[in-house]
Amino acid sequence: MPFTYFIQQSLFVLKVRYFDKIRSSFRKIGLRFQGMKIGSGVVIPKIYTIWPHQVSIGKNCILERGIYFKYAGIWSKGPSIVIEDEVFIGAGCEFNINCGIRISKHSNIASGCKFIDHDHGTEAGKLIGPQPSIKAEILLEQDVWLGCNVVVLKGVYIGEGSIVAAGAVVTKSIPANQIWGGVPAKFIKNRI
């Protein structure tokens, strides 16, 4: 039993400390060549991106696998997806951005969160698909925490130190130091 444990632990350490960092180095080279800005201390797992030059990742960010950075538009100068220093982004998050998003320092984004900064037009008597997009930037201030599977929609501002409960759909802005939850997200209480 101790020998099996030793082998398992050794393989885990090799994978986490060495193999993942080596793969990350090659990913960084490729993504930087395509225009992505990546700060120091960031390990890049397997992620998906359409226009890498639209993404800027700050220093010491932690990214988990399966994040999808989708700039939903034709080529234009970037970046439109800006993640500042020391941000955590969980597995399977999706950034579906046409206008812009900024996630400020020290924020925590749990697994499965989605950010969508545009919407279809809804004028009656016309087909929905061809109507022009309605779009507005998303901004998360410093020290924001989003629980698992939160959806943040166009034009939302989330103030510094706020928390959004798991599964919430944020359709309007949230002031600083408040806790919100539900569908659509509503005020629950102040943090202070």
N, C-alpha and C. Protein backbone atom coordinates (compact mmCIF):
# COMPACT_ATOMS: atom_id res chain seq x y z
N MET A 1 0.81 -1.20 0.00
CA MET A 1 0.00 0.00 0.00
C MET A 1 0.86 1.27 0.00
N PRO A 2 1.91 1.39 0.86
CA PRO A 2 2.73 2.60 0.85
C PRO A 2 3.42 2.84 -0.49
N PHE A 3 3.84 1.73 -1.17
CA PHE A 3 4.51 1.89 -2.45
C PHE A 3 3.56 2.47 -3.50
N THR A 4 2.33 1.98 -3.54
CA THR A 4 1.31 2.49 -4.48
C THR A 4 1.04 3.97 -4.20
N TYR A 5 0.91 4.30 -2.93
CA TYR A 5 0.68 5.70 -2.54
C TYR A 5 1.83 6.58 -3.02
N PHE A 6 3.06 6.13 -2.82
CA PHE A 6 4.24 6.89 -3.25
C PHE A 6 4.24 7.11 -4.76
N ILE A 7 3.92 6.09 -5.53
CA ILE A 7 3.88 6.20 -7.00
C ILE A 7 2.79 7.19 -7.42
N GLN A 8 1.61 7.08 -6.83
CA GLN A 8 0.51 7.99 -7.18
C GLN A 8 0.87 9.44 -6.86
N GLN A 9 1.43 9.68 -5.70
CA GLN A 9 1.81 11.03 -5.31
C GLN A 9 2.91 11.58 -6.21
N SER A 10 3.87 10.73 -6.56
CA SER A 10 4.97 11.17 -7.44
C SER A 10 4.45 11.55 -8.81
N LEU A 11 3.56 10.75 -9.37
CA LEU A 11 2.98 11.07 -10.68
C LEU A 11 2.16 12.36 -10.63
N PHE A 12 1.43 12.55 -9.54
CA PHE A 12 0.65 13.78 -9.38
C PHE A 12 1.56 15.01 -9.35
N VAL A 13 2.63 14.94 -8.58
CA VAL A 13 3.57 16.06 -8.47
C VAL A 13 4.22 16.34 -9.82
N LEU A 14 4.64 15.29 -10.53
CA LEU A 14 5.22 15.48 -11.86
C LEU A 14 4.24 16.18 -12.80
N LYS A 15 3.00 15.73 -12.79
CA LYS A 15 1.99 16.31 -13.67
C LYS A 15 1.75 17.78 -13.34
N VAL A 16 1.49 18.07 -12.07
CA VAL A 16 1.11 19.43 -11.67
C VAL A 16 2.28 20.39 -11.74
N ARG A 17 3.44 19.99 -11.24
CA ARG A 17 4.57 20.91 -11.17
C ARG A 17 5.33 21.06 -12.47
N TYR A 18 5.38 20.02 -13.25
CA TYR A 18 6.26 20.06 -14.42
C TYR A 18 5.52 19.97 -15.75
N PHE A 19 4.76 18.90 -15.96
CA PHE A 19 4.12 18.70 -17.27
C PHE A 19 3.14 19.83 -17.61
N ASP A 20 2.29 20.22 -16.62
CA ASP A 20 1.32 21.29 -16.89
C ASP A 20 2.02 22.62 -17.19
N LYS A 21 3.12 22.88 -16.50
CA LYS A 21 3.84 24.13 -16.73
C LYS A 21 4.55 24.12 -18.09
N ILE A 22 5.05 22.97 -18.49
CA ILE A 22 5.70 22.87 -19.80
C ILE A 22 4.66 23.10 -20.90
N ARG A 23 3.50 22.42 -20.78
CA ARG A 23 2.43 22.62 -21.78
C ARG A 23 1.97 24.07 -21.79
N SER A 24 1.87 24.67 -20.61
CA SER A 24 1.46 26.07 -20.51
C SER A 24 2.44 26.98 -21.24
N SER A 25 3.73 26.69 -21.12
CA SER A 25 4.74 27.52 -21.80
C SER A 25 4.53 27.52 -23.31
N PHE A 26 4.24 26.35 -23.88
CA PHE A 26 3.99 26.27 -25.32
C PHE A 26 2.69 26.99 -25.69
N ARG A 27 1.65 26.84 -24.86
CA ARG A 27 0.39 27.55 -25.13
C ARG A 27 0.61 29.06 -25.10
N LYS A 28 1.37 29.53 -24.11
CA LYS A 28 1.64 30.98 -24.00
C LYS A 28 2.35 31.50 -25.25
N ILE A 29 3.33 30.76 -25.73
CA ILE A 29 4.06 31.18 -26.93
C ILE A 29 3.09 31.34 -28.10
N GLY A 30 2.25 30.33 -28.30
CA GLY A 30 1.29 30.38 -29.40
C GLY A 30 0.28 31.50 -29.27
N LEU A 31 -0.28 31.66 -28.06
CA LEU A 31 -1.30 32.70 -27.85
C LEU A 31 -0.70 34.10 -27.92
N ARG A 32 0.50 34.29 -27.37
CA ARG A 32 1.15 35.60 -27.46
C ARG A 32 1.46 35.95 -28.92
N PHE A 33 1.87 34.95 -29.69
CA PHE A 33 2.14 35.16 -31.10
C PHE A 33 0.88 35.66 -31.83
N GLN A 34 -0.27 35.20 -31.37
CA GLN A 34 -1.55 35.62 -31.96
C GLN A 34 -2.10 36.90 -31.33
N GLY A 35 -1.37 37.49 -30.40
CA GLY A 35 -1.74 38.79 -29.86
C GLY A 35 -2.31 38.82 -28.46
N MET A 36 -2.48 37.67 -27.81
CA MET A 36 -3.01 37.68 -26.44
C MET A 36 -1.97 38.23 -25.49
N LYS A 37 -2.40 39.07 -24.55
CA LYS A 37 -1.52 39.60 -23.51
C LYS A 37 -1.67 38.72 -22.28
N ILE A 38 -0.55 38.15 -21.80
CA ILE A 38 -0.57 37.24 -20.66
C ILE A 38 0.47 37.71 -19.65
N GLY A 39 0.05 38.03 -18.44
CA GLY A 39 0.95 38.50 -17.40
C GLY A 39 1.80 37.38 -16.82
N SER A 40 2.81 37.76 -16.06
CA SER A 40 3.70 36.78 -15.44
C SER A 40 2.96 35.99 -14.36
N GLY A 41 3.40 34.77 -14.13
CA GLY A 41 2.83 33.94 -13.08
C GLY A 41 1.51 33.28 -13.46
N VAL A 42 1.14 33.32 -14.73
CA VAL A 42 -0.11 32.71 -15.18
C VAL A 42 0.20 31.39 -15.88
N VAL A 43 -0.46 30.32 -15.44
CA VAL A 43 -0.36 29.03 -16.11
C VAL A 43 -1.60 28.90 -17.00
N ILE A 44 -1.38 28.67 -18.29
CA ILE A 44 -2.50 28.58 -19.24
C ILE A 44 -2.87 27.12 -19.45
N PRO A 45 -4.06 26.70 -18.95
CA PRO A 45 -4.52 25.34 -19.21
C PRO A 45 -5.14 25.28 -20.61
N LYS A 46 -5.79 24.21 -20.94
CA LYS A 46 -6.48 24.11 -22.23
C LYS A 46 -7.68 25.05 -22.19
N ILE A 47 -7.62 26.10 -23.02
CA ILE A 47 -8.71 27.08 -23.13
C ILE A 47 -9.09 27.21 -24.60
N TYR A 48 -10.20 27.89 -24.86
CA TYR A 48 -10.66 28.11 -26.22
C TYR A 48 -10.81 29.60 -26.46
N THR A 49 -10.37 30.06 -27.62
CA THR A 49 -10.51 31.47 -27.95
C THR A 49 -10.62 31.63 -29.46
N ILE A 50 -11.44 32.59 -29.88
CA ILE A 50 -11.63 32.85 -31.30
C ILE A 50 -10.62 33.89 -31.79
N TRP A 51 -10.56 35.02 -31.11
CA TRP A 51 -9.62 36.10 -31.45
C TRP A 51 -8.71 36.33 -30.24
N PRO A 52 -7.56 35.65 -30.16
CA PRO A 52 -6.69 35.79 -28.99
C PRO A 52 -6.26 37.23 -28.71
N HIS A 53 -6.12 38.08 -29.74
CA HIS A 53 -5.69 39.46 -29.51
C HIS A 53 -6.75 40.28 -28.75
N GLN A 54 -7.95 39.75 -28.59
CA GLN A 54 -9.00 40.44 -27.85
C GLN A 54 -8.94 40.16 -26.35
N VAL A 55 -8.00 39.33 -25.91
CA VAL A 55 -7.92 38.90 -24.51
C VAL A 55 -6.64 39.43 -23.86
N SER A 56 -6.78 40.01 -22.66
CA SER A 56 -5.65 40.46 -21.86
C SER A 56 -5.80 39.88 -20.45
N ILE A 57 -4.81 39.11 -20.01
CA ILE A 57 -4.84 38.47 -18.70
C ILE A 57 -3.70 39.04 -17.86
N GLY A 58 -4.03 39.55 -16.68
CA GLY A 58 -3.04 40.17 -15.80
C GLY A 58 -2.13 39.17 -15.11
N LYS A 59 -1.32 39.67 -14.19
CA LYS A 59 -0.33 38.86 -13.48
C LYS A 59 -1.01 37.97 -12.44
N ASN A 60 -0.40 36.79 -12.24
CA ASN A 60 -0.76 35.85 -11.17
C ASN A 60 -2.23 35.45 -11.16
N CYS A 61 -2.85 35.39 -12.32
CA CYS A 61 -4.22 34.91 -12.41
C CYS A 61 -4.22 33.38 -12.41
N ILE A 62 -5.29 32.80 -11.89
CA ILE A 62 -5.44 31.35 -11.91
C ILE A 62 -6.60 31.03 -12.83
N LEU A 63 -6.30 30.27 -13.89
CA LEU A 63 -7.31 29.86 -14.86
C LEU A 63 -7.46 28.35 -14.81
N GLU A 64 -8.70 27.88 -14.77
CA GLU A 64 -8.93 26.45 -14.84
C GLU A 64 -9.27 26.05 -16.28
N ARG A 65 -9.34 24.77 -16.53
CA ARG A 65 -9.54 24.23 -17.89
C ARG A 65 -10.91 24.60 -18.47
N GLY A 66 -10.95 24.66 -19.80
CA GLY A 66 -12.21 24.77 -20.52
C GLY A 66 -12.83 26.15 -20.58
N ILE A 67 -12.07 27.20 -20.27
CA ILE A 67 -12.60 28.56 -20.37
C ILE A 67 -12.71 28.92 -21.85
N TYR A 68 -13.80 29.59 -22.20
CA TYR A 68 -14.07 29.95 -23.60
C TYR A 68 -14.11 31.47 -23.72
N PHE A 69 -13.10 32.04 -24.37
CA PHE A 69 -13.05 33.48 -24.65
C PHE A 69 -13.55 33.70 -26.07
N LYS A 70 -14.80 34.11 -26.20
CA LYS A 70 -15.40 34.29 -27.52
C LYS A 70 -15.66 35.78 -27.76
N TYR A 71 -14.90 36.34 -28.69
CA TYR A 71 -15.19 37.69 -29.14
C TYR A 71 -16.15 37.54 -30.30
N ALA A 72 -17.41 37.91 -30.10
CA ALA A 72 -18.48 37.67 -31.08
C ALA A 72 -18.59 38.83 -32.05
N GLY A 73 -17.60 39.00 -32.86
CA GLY A 73 -17.63 40.06 -33.85
C GLY A 73 -16.55 39.84 -34.89
N ILE A 74 -16.52 40.72 -35.87
CA ILE A 74 -15.46 40.64 -36.88
C ILE A 74 -14.18 41.19 -36.28
N TRP A 75 -13.06 41.00 -36.98
CA TRP A 75 -11.77 41.44 -36.45
C TRP A 75 -11.81 42.93 -36.17
N SER A 76 -11.31 43.31 -35.02
CA SER A 76 -11.11 44.72 -34.66
C SER A 76 -9.99 44.77 -33.64
N LYS A 77 -9.45 45.97 -33.41
CA LYS A 77 -8.37 46.09 -32.43
C LYS A 77 -8.88 45.69 -31.06
N GLY A 78 -8.00 45.17 -30.26
CA GLY A 78 -8.39 44.72 -28.92
C GLY A 78 -7.49 45.34 -27.87
N PRO A 79 -7.57 44.91 -26.66
CA PRO A 79 -8.41 43.83 -26.18
C PRO A 79 -9.80 44.31 -25.73
N SER A 80 -10.77 43.43 -25.83
CA SER A 80 -12.13 43.69 -25.35
C SER A 80 -12.43 42.89 -24.09
N ILE A 81 -11.66 41.84 -23.84
CA ILE A 81 -11.81 41.02 -22.64
C ILE A 81 -10.57 41.27 -21.78
N VAL A 82 -10.75 42.04 -20.71
CA VAL A 82 -9.61 42.44 -19.87
C VAL A 82 -9.80 41.84 -18.47
N ILE A 83 -8.84 41.02 -18.09
CA ILE A 83 -8.83 40.40 -16.76
C ILE A 83 -7.60 40.94 -16.05
N GLU A 84 -7.81 41.65 -14.96
CA GLU A 84 -6.70 42.27 -14.25
C GLU A 84 -5.98 41.26 -13.36
N ASP A 85 -5.02 41.72 -12.56
CA ASP A 85 -4.14 40.87 -11.76
C ASP A 85 -4.90 40.07 -10.69
N GLU A 86 -4.38 38.88 -10.41
CA GLU A 86 -4.79 38.01 -9.31
C GLU A 86 -6.29 37.70 -9.31
N VAL A 87 -6.80 37.35 -10.47
CA VAL A 87 -8.19 36.94 -10.64
C VAL A 87 -8.23 35.42 -10.78
N PHE A 88 -9.22 34.79 -10.16
CA PHE A 88 -9.45 33.36 -10.31
C PHE A 88 -10.65 33.15 -11.24
N ILE A 89 -10.49 32.29 -12.25
CA ILE A 89 -11.60 31.96 -13.15
C ILE A 89 -11.72 30.44 -13.20
N GLY A 90 -12.88 29.94 -12.79
CA GLY A 90 -13.12 28.50 -12.69
C GLY A 90 -13.35 27.83 -14.03
N ALA A 91 -13.40 26.51 -13.98
CA ALA A 91 -13.55 25.68 -15.18
C ALA A 91 -14.86 25.97 -15.90
N GLY A 92 -14.79 25.96 -17.23
CA GLY A 92 -15.98 26.05 -18.05
C GLY A 92 -16.65 27.40 -18.11
N CYS A 93 -15.98 28.46 -17.71
CA CYS A 93 -16.57 29.80 -17.82
C CYS A 93 -16.60 30.23 -19.29
N GLU A 94 -17.57 31.06 -19.64
CA GLU A 94 -17.70 31.54 -21.02
C GLU A 94 -17.80 33.06 -21.05
N PHE A 95 -16.96 33.66 -21.88
CA PHE A 95 -16.98 35.10 -22.11
C PHE A 95 -17.47 35.29 -23.55
N ASN A 96 -18.74 35.64 -23.72
CA ASN A 96 -19.34 35.85 -25.04
C ASN A 96 -19.47 37.37 -25.20
N ILE A 97 -18.43 37.99 -25.74
CA ILE A 97 -18.27 39.44 -25.70
C ILE A 97 -18.26 40.04 -27.10
N ASN A 98 -18.99 41.13 -27.26
CA ASN A 98 -19.00 41.87 -28.51
C ASN A 98 -18.55 43.31 -28.28
N CYS A 99 -18.83 43.82 -27.11
CA CYS A 99 -18.52 45.21 -26.76
C CYS A 99 -17.29 45.28 -25.83
N GLY A 100 -17.39 44.68 -24.64
CA GLY A 100 -16.25 44.68 -23.73
C GLY A 100 -16.61 44.20 -22.33
N ILE A 101 -15.60 43.66 -21.64
CA ILE A 101 -15.74 43.26 -20.24
C ILE A 101 -14.42 43.54 -19.54
N ARG A 102 -14.50 43.99 -18.29
CA ARG A 102 -13.32 44.17 -17.44
C ARG A 102 -13.62 43.53 -16.09
N ILE A 103 -12.72 42.62 -15.69
CA ILE A 103 -12.80 42.01 -14.37
C ILE A 103 -11.62 42.53 -13.58
N SER A 104 -11.91 43.29 -12.54
CA SER A 104 -10.86 43.96 -11.77
C SER A 104 -10.16 43.01 -10.81
N LYS A 105 -9.08 43.49 -10.21
CA LYS A 105 -8.18 42.70 -9.37
C LYS A 105 -8.89 41.96 -8.24
N HIS A 106 -8.32 40.82 -7.89
CA HIS A 106 -8.70 40.01 -6.73
C HIS A 106 -10.13 39.47 -6.79
N SER A 107 -10.71 39.37 -7.97
CA SER A 107 -12.06 38.83 -8.10
C SER A 107 -12.00 37.31 -8.25
N ASN A 108 -13.08 36.65 -7.87
CA ASN A 108 -13.19 35.20 -7.94
C ASN A 108 -14.43 34.83 -8.74
N ILE A 109 -14.22 34.14 -9.85
CA ILE A 109 -15.30 33.73 -10.74
C ILE A 109 -15.35 32.21 -10.68
N ALA A 110 -16.42 31.66 -10.09
CA ALA A 110 -16.52 30.20 -9.93
C ALA A 110 -16.84 29.52 -11.25
N SER A 111 -16.77 28.22 -11.26
CA SER A 111 -16.97 27.41 -12.47
C SER A 111 -18.33 27.66 -13.10
N GLY A 112 -18.34 27.62 -14.44
CA GLY A 112 -19.59 27.67 -15.19
C GLY A 112 -20.23 29.04 -15.36
N CYS A 113 -19.56 30.10 -14.95
CA CYS A 113 -20.15 31.44 -15.10
C CYS A 113 -20.13 31.86 -16.57
N LYS A 114 -21.12 32.69 -16.95
CA LYS A 114 -21.21 33.17 -18.32
C LYS A 114 -21.39 34.68 -18.32
N PHE A 115 -20.70 35.34 -19.25
CA PHE A 115 -20.78 36.78 -19.42
C PHE A 115 -21.21 37.05 -20.85
N ILE A 116 -22.33 37.75 -21.04
CA ILE A 116 -22.84 38.03 -22.38
C ILE A 116 -23.18 39.51 -22.44
N ASP A 117 -22.44 40.28 -23.25
CA ASP A 117 -22.60 41.73 -23.28
C ASP A 117 -23.45 42.23 -24.45
N HIS A 118 -24.19 41.34 -25.09
CA HIS A 118 -25.03 41.76 -26.22
C HIS A 118 -26.30 40.91 -26.24
N ASP A 119 -27.27 41.40 -26.98
CA ASP A 119 -28.58 40.79 -27.01
C ASP A 119 -29.20 41.04 -28.37
N HIS A 120 -30.17 40.26 -28.76
CA HIS A 120 -30.90 40.50 -30.01
C HIS A 120 -31.91 41.62 -29.81
N GLY A 121 -32.24 42.30 -30.91
CA GLY A 121 -33.34 43.25 -30.87
C GLY A 121 -34.65 42.50 -30.72
N THR A 122 -35.64 43.14 -30.13
CA THR A 122 -36.91 42.45 -29.86
C THR A 122 -38.12 43.24 -30.37
N GLU A 123 -37.91 44.08 -31.36
CA GLU A 123 -39.01 44.89 -31.89
C GLU A 123 -40.06 43.97 -32.52
N ALA A 124 -41.31 44.17 -32.13
CA ALA A 124 -42.41 43.35 -32.63
C ALA A 124 -42.62 43.60 -34.12
N GLY A 125 -43.07 42.58 -34.83
CA GLY A 125 -43.36 42.71 -36.25
C GLY A 125 -42.15 42.51 -37.15
N LYS A 126 -40.98 42.28 -36.56
CA LYS A 126 -39.76 42.03 -37.33
C LYS A 126 -39.16 40.71 -36.87
N LEU A 127 -38.43 40.06 -37.77
CA LEU A 127 -37.72 38.86 -37.38
C LEU A 127 -36.65 39.22 -36.35
N ILE A 128 -36.51 38.39 -35.34
CA ILE A 128 -35.55 38.69 -34.26
C ILE A 128 -34.11 38.59 -34.75
N GLY A 129 -33.79 37.55 -35.50
CA GLY A 129 -32.41 37.32 -35.94
C GLY A 129 -31.75 38.48 -36.65
N PRO A 130 -32.40 39.08 -37.66
CA PRO A 130 -31.76 40.16 -38.40
C PRO A 130 -31.70 41.52 -37.68
N GLN A 131 -32.42 41.67 -36.57
CA GLN A 131 -32.41 42.97 -35.88
C GLN A 131 -31.02 43.25 -35.32
N PRO A 132 -30.64 44.54 -35.28
CA PRO A 132 -29.31 44.87 -34.75
C PRO A 132 -29.15 44.48 -33.28
N SER A 133 -27.92 44.14 -32.92
CA SER A 133 -27.61 43.79 -31.54
C SER A 133 -27.73 45.00 -30.63
N ILE A 134 -28.16 44.72 -29.40
CA ILE A 134 -28.14 45.72 -28.34
C ILE A 134 -26.97 45.31 -27.46
N LYS A 135 -25.99 46.20 -27.28
CA LYS A 135 -24.79 45.81 -26.54
C LYS A 135 -24.36 46.89 -25.55
N ALA A 136 -23.75 46.44 -24.46
CA ALA A 136 -23.21 47.35 -23.45
C ALA A 136 -22.16 46.60 -22.64
N GLU A 137 -21.10 47.28 -22.26
CA GLU A 137 -19.97 46.66 -21.54
C GLU A 137 -20.37 46.15 -20.16
N ILE A 138 -19.62 45.17 -19.69
CA ILE A 138 -19.78 44.60 -18.35
C ILE A 138 -18.55 44.99 -17.54
N LEU A 139 -18.75 45.39 -16.27
CA LEU A 139 -17.63 45.75 -15.41
C LEU A 139 -17.80 45.13 -14.04
N LEU A 140 -16.79 44.39 -13.60
CA LEU A 140 -16.72 43.88 -12.24
C LEU A 140 -15.60 44.62 -11.54
N GLU A 141 -15.92 45.30 -10.44
CA GLU A 141 -14.91 46.00 -9.66
C GLU A 141 -14.07 44.99 -8.87
N GLN A 142 -13.14 45.49 -8.06
CA GLN A 142 -12.22 44.64 -7.29
C GLN A 142 -12.96 43.79 -6.27
N ASP A 143 -12.40 42.62 -5.98
CA ASP A 143 -12.83 41.76 -4.89
C ASP A 143 -14.28 41.32 -5.02
N VAL A 144 -14.72 41.01 -6.23
CA VAL A 144 -16.07 40.50 -6.47
C VAL A 144 -16.01 38.98 -6.49
N TRP A 145 -17.04 38.34 -5.94
CA TRP A 145 -17.11 36.89 -5.95
C TRP A 145 -18.41 36.46 -6.61
N LEU A 146 -18.31 35.69 -7.69
CA LEU A 146 -19.48 35.12 -8.34
C LEU A 146 -19.49 33.63 -8.06
N GLY A 147 -20.62 33.11 -7.55
CA GLY A 147 -20.76 31.68 -7.30
C GLY A 147 -20.89 30.91 -8.60
N CYS A 148 -20.96 29.59 -8.50
CA CYS A 148 -21.05 28.72 -9.69
C CYS A 148 -22.25 29.07 -10.56
N ASN A 149 -22.03 29.03 -11.87
CA ASN A 149 -23.08 29.15 -12.87
C ASN A 149 -23.85 30.47 -12.84
N VAL A 150 -23.21 31.54 -12.44
CA VAL A 150 -23.83 32.87 -12.51
C VAL A 150 -23.79 33.34 -13.95
N VAL A 151 -24.87 33.98 -14.40
CA VAL A 151 -24.92 34.58 -15.73
C VAL A 151 -24.99 36.10 -15.55
N VAL A 152 -24.06 36.82 -16.19
CA VAL A 152 -24.02 38.28 -16.12
C VAL A 152 -24.33 38.82 -17.51
N LEU A 153 -25.37 39.65 -17.61
CA LEU A 153 -25.81 40.13 -18.91
C LEU A 153 -25.35 41.56 -19.20
N LYS A 154 -25.63 42.03 -20.37
CA LYS A 154 -25.12 43.30 -20.91
C LYS A 154 -25.37 44.48 -19.98
N GLY A 155 -24.39 45.38 -19.95
CA GLY A 155 -24.51 46.63 -19.23
C GLY A 155 -24.43 46.55 -17.72
N VAL A 156 -24.10 45.39 -17.18
CA VAL A 156 -24.08 45.21 -15.72
C VAL A 156 -22.76 45.72 -15.14
N TYR A 157 -22.88 46.43 -14.01
CA TYR A 157 -21.75 46.89 -13.21
C TYR A 157 -21.91 46.22 -11.84
N ILE A 158 -20.87 45.51 -11.37
CA ILE A 158 -20.91 44.90 -10.05
C ILE A 158 -19.86 45.60 -9.19
N GLY A 159 -20.33 46.25 -8.13
CA GLY A 159 -19.47 47.07 -7.28
C GLY A 159 -18.48 46.29 -6.44
N GLU A 160 -17.46 46.98 -5.98
CA GLU A 160 -16.37 46.39 -5.21
C GLU A 160 -16.88 45.63 -3.99
N GLY A 161 -16.34 44.41 -3.81
CA GLY A 161 -16.66 43.62 -2.63
C GLY A 161 -18.00 42.92 -2.65
N SER A 162 -18.71 42.93 -3.76
CA SER A 162 -20.03 42.30 -3.83
C SER A 162 -19.92 40.81 -4.09
N ILE A 163 -20.98 40.09 -3.71
CA ILE A 163 -21.06 38.64 -3.88
C ILE A 163 -22.37 38.32 -4.60
N VAL A 164 -22.29 37.41 -5.58
CA VAL A 164 -23.50 36.96 -6.28
C VAL A 164 -23.61 35.46 -6.05
N ALA A 165 -24.78 35.02 -5.56
CA ALA A 165 -25.00 33.62 -5.22
C ALA A 165 -25.03 32.73 -6.45
N ALA A 166 -24.71 31.46 -6.26
CA ALA A 166 -24.66 30.49 -7.34
C ALA A 166 -25.99 30.43 -8.09
N GLY A 167 -25.90 30.32 -9.43
CA GLY A 167 -27.08 30.16 -10.26
C GLY A 167 -27.85 31.43 -10.56
N ALA A 168 -27.39 32.57 -10.08
CA ALA A 168 -28.11 33.83 -10.28
C ALA A 168 -27.96 34.32 -11.72
N VAL A 169 -28.95 35.09 -12.17
CA VAL A 169 -28.88 35.76 -13.47
C VAL A 169 -28.90 37.26 -13.19
N VAL A 170 -27.77 37.92 -13.43
CA VAL A 170 -27.62 39.34 -13.10
C VAL A 170 -28.01 40.17 -14.31
N THR A 171 -29.13 40.90 -14.18
CA THR A 171 -29.66 41.70 -15.28
C THR A 171 -29.51 43.19 -15.03
N LYS A 172 -29.20 43.58 -13.77
CA LYS A 172 -28.99 44.99 -13.46
C LYS A 172 -27.82 45.16 -12.52
N SER A 173 -27.32 46.38 -12.43
CA SER A 173 -26.09 46.66 -11.68
C SER A 173 -26.27 46.45 -10.18
N ILE A 174 -25.16 46.10 -9.53
CA ILE A 174 -25.12 45.80 -8.11
C ILE A 174 -24.16 46.77 -7.44
N PRO A 175 -24.62 47.51 -6.40
CA PRO A 175 -23.72 48.41 -5.68
C PRO A 175 -22.65 47.65 -4.90
N ALA A 176 -21.68 48.38 -4.38
CA ALA A 176 -20.57 47.78 -3.63
C ALA A 176 -21.04 47.10 -2.35
N ASN A 177 -20.33 46.04 -1.97
CA ASN A 177 -20.51 45.34 -0.69
C ASN A 177 -21.92 44.84 -0.44
N GLN A 178 -22.54 44.29 -1.47
CA GLN A 178 -23.87 43.70 -1.30
C GLN A 178 -23.86 42.25 -1.75
N ILE A 179 -24.82 41.47 -1.22
CA ILE A 179 -24.99 40.08 -1.62
C ILE A 179 -26.32 39.98 -2.37
N TRP A 180 -26.26 39.41 -3.58
CA TRP A 180 -27.44 39.24 -4.42
C TRP A 180 -27.57 37.79 -4.82
N GLY A 181 -28.80 37.37 -5.16
CA GLY A 181 -29.03 36.02 -5.65
C GLY A 181 -30.39 35.90 -6.29
N GLY A 182 -30.61 34.82 -7.02
CA GLY A 182 -31.90 34.54 -7.62
C GLY A 182 -31.93 34.77 -9.12
N VAL A 183 -33.13 34.49 -9.69
CA VAL A 183 -33.34 34.67 -11.12
C VAL A 183 -34.61 35.49 -11.31
N PRO A 184 -34.54 36.73 -11.72
CA PRO A 184 -33.32 37.52 -11.87
C PRO A 184 -32.74 37.87 -10.49
N ALA A 185 -31.46 38.22 -10.45
CA ALA A 185 -30.79 38.49 -9.18
C ALA A 185 -31.42 39.67 -8.46
N LYS A 186 -31.61 39.50 -7.15
CA LYS A 186 -32.19 40.54 -6.31
C LYS A 186 -31.32 40.72 -5.07
N PHE A 187 -31.42 41.89 -4.45
CA PHE A 187 -30.67 42.20 -3.22
C PHE A 187 -31.07 41.25 -2.11
N ILE A 188 -30.07 40.70 -1.39
CA ILE A 188 -30.32 39.85 -0.23
C ILE A 188 -29.95 40.59 1.04
N LYS A 189 -28.70 41.08 1.12
CA LYS A 189 -28.28 41.85 2.29
C LYS A 189 -26.96 42.55 2.01
N ASN A 190 -26.60 43.48 2.88
CA ASN A 190 -25.31 44.16 2.81
C ASN A 190 -24.26 43.30 3.49
N ARG A 191 -23.02 43.40 3.03
CA ARG A 191 -21.93 42.66 3.66
C ARG A 191 -21.47 43.34 4.95
N ILE A 192 -21.66 44.62 5.05
CA ILE A 192 -21.13 45.38 6.21
C ILE A 192 -22.20 45.51 7.28
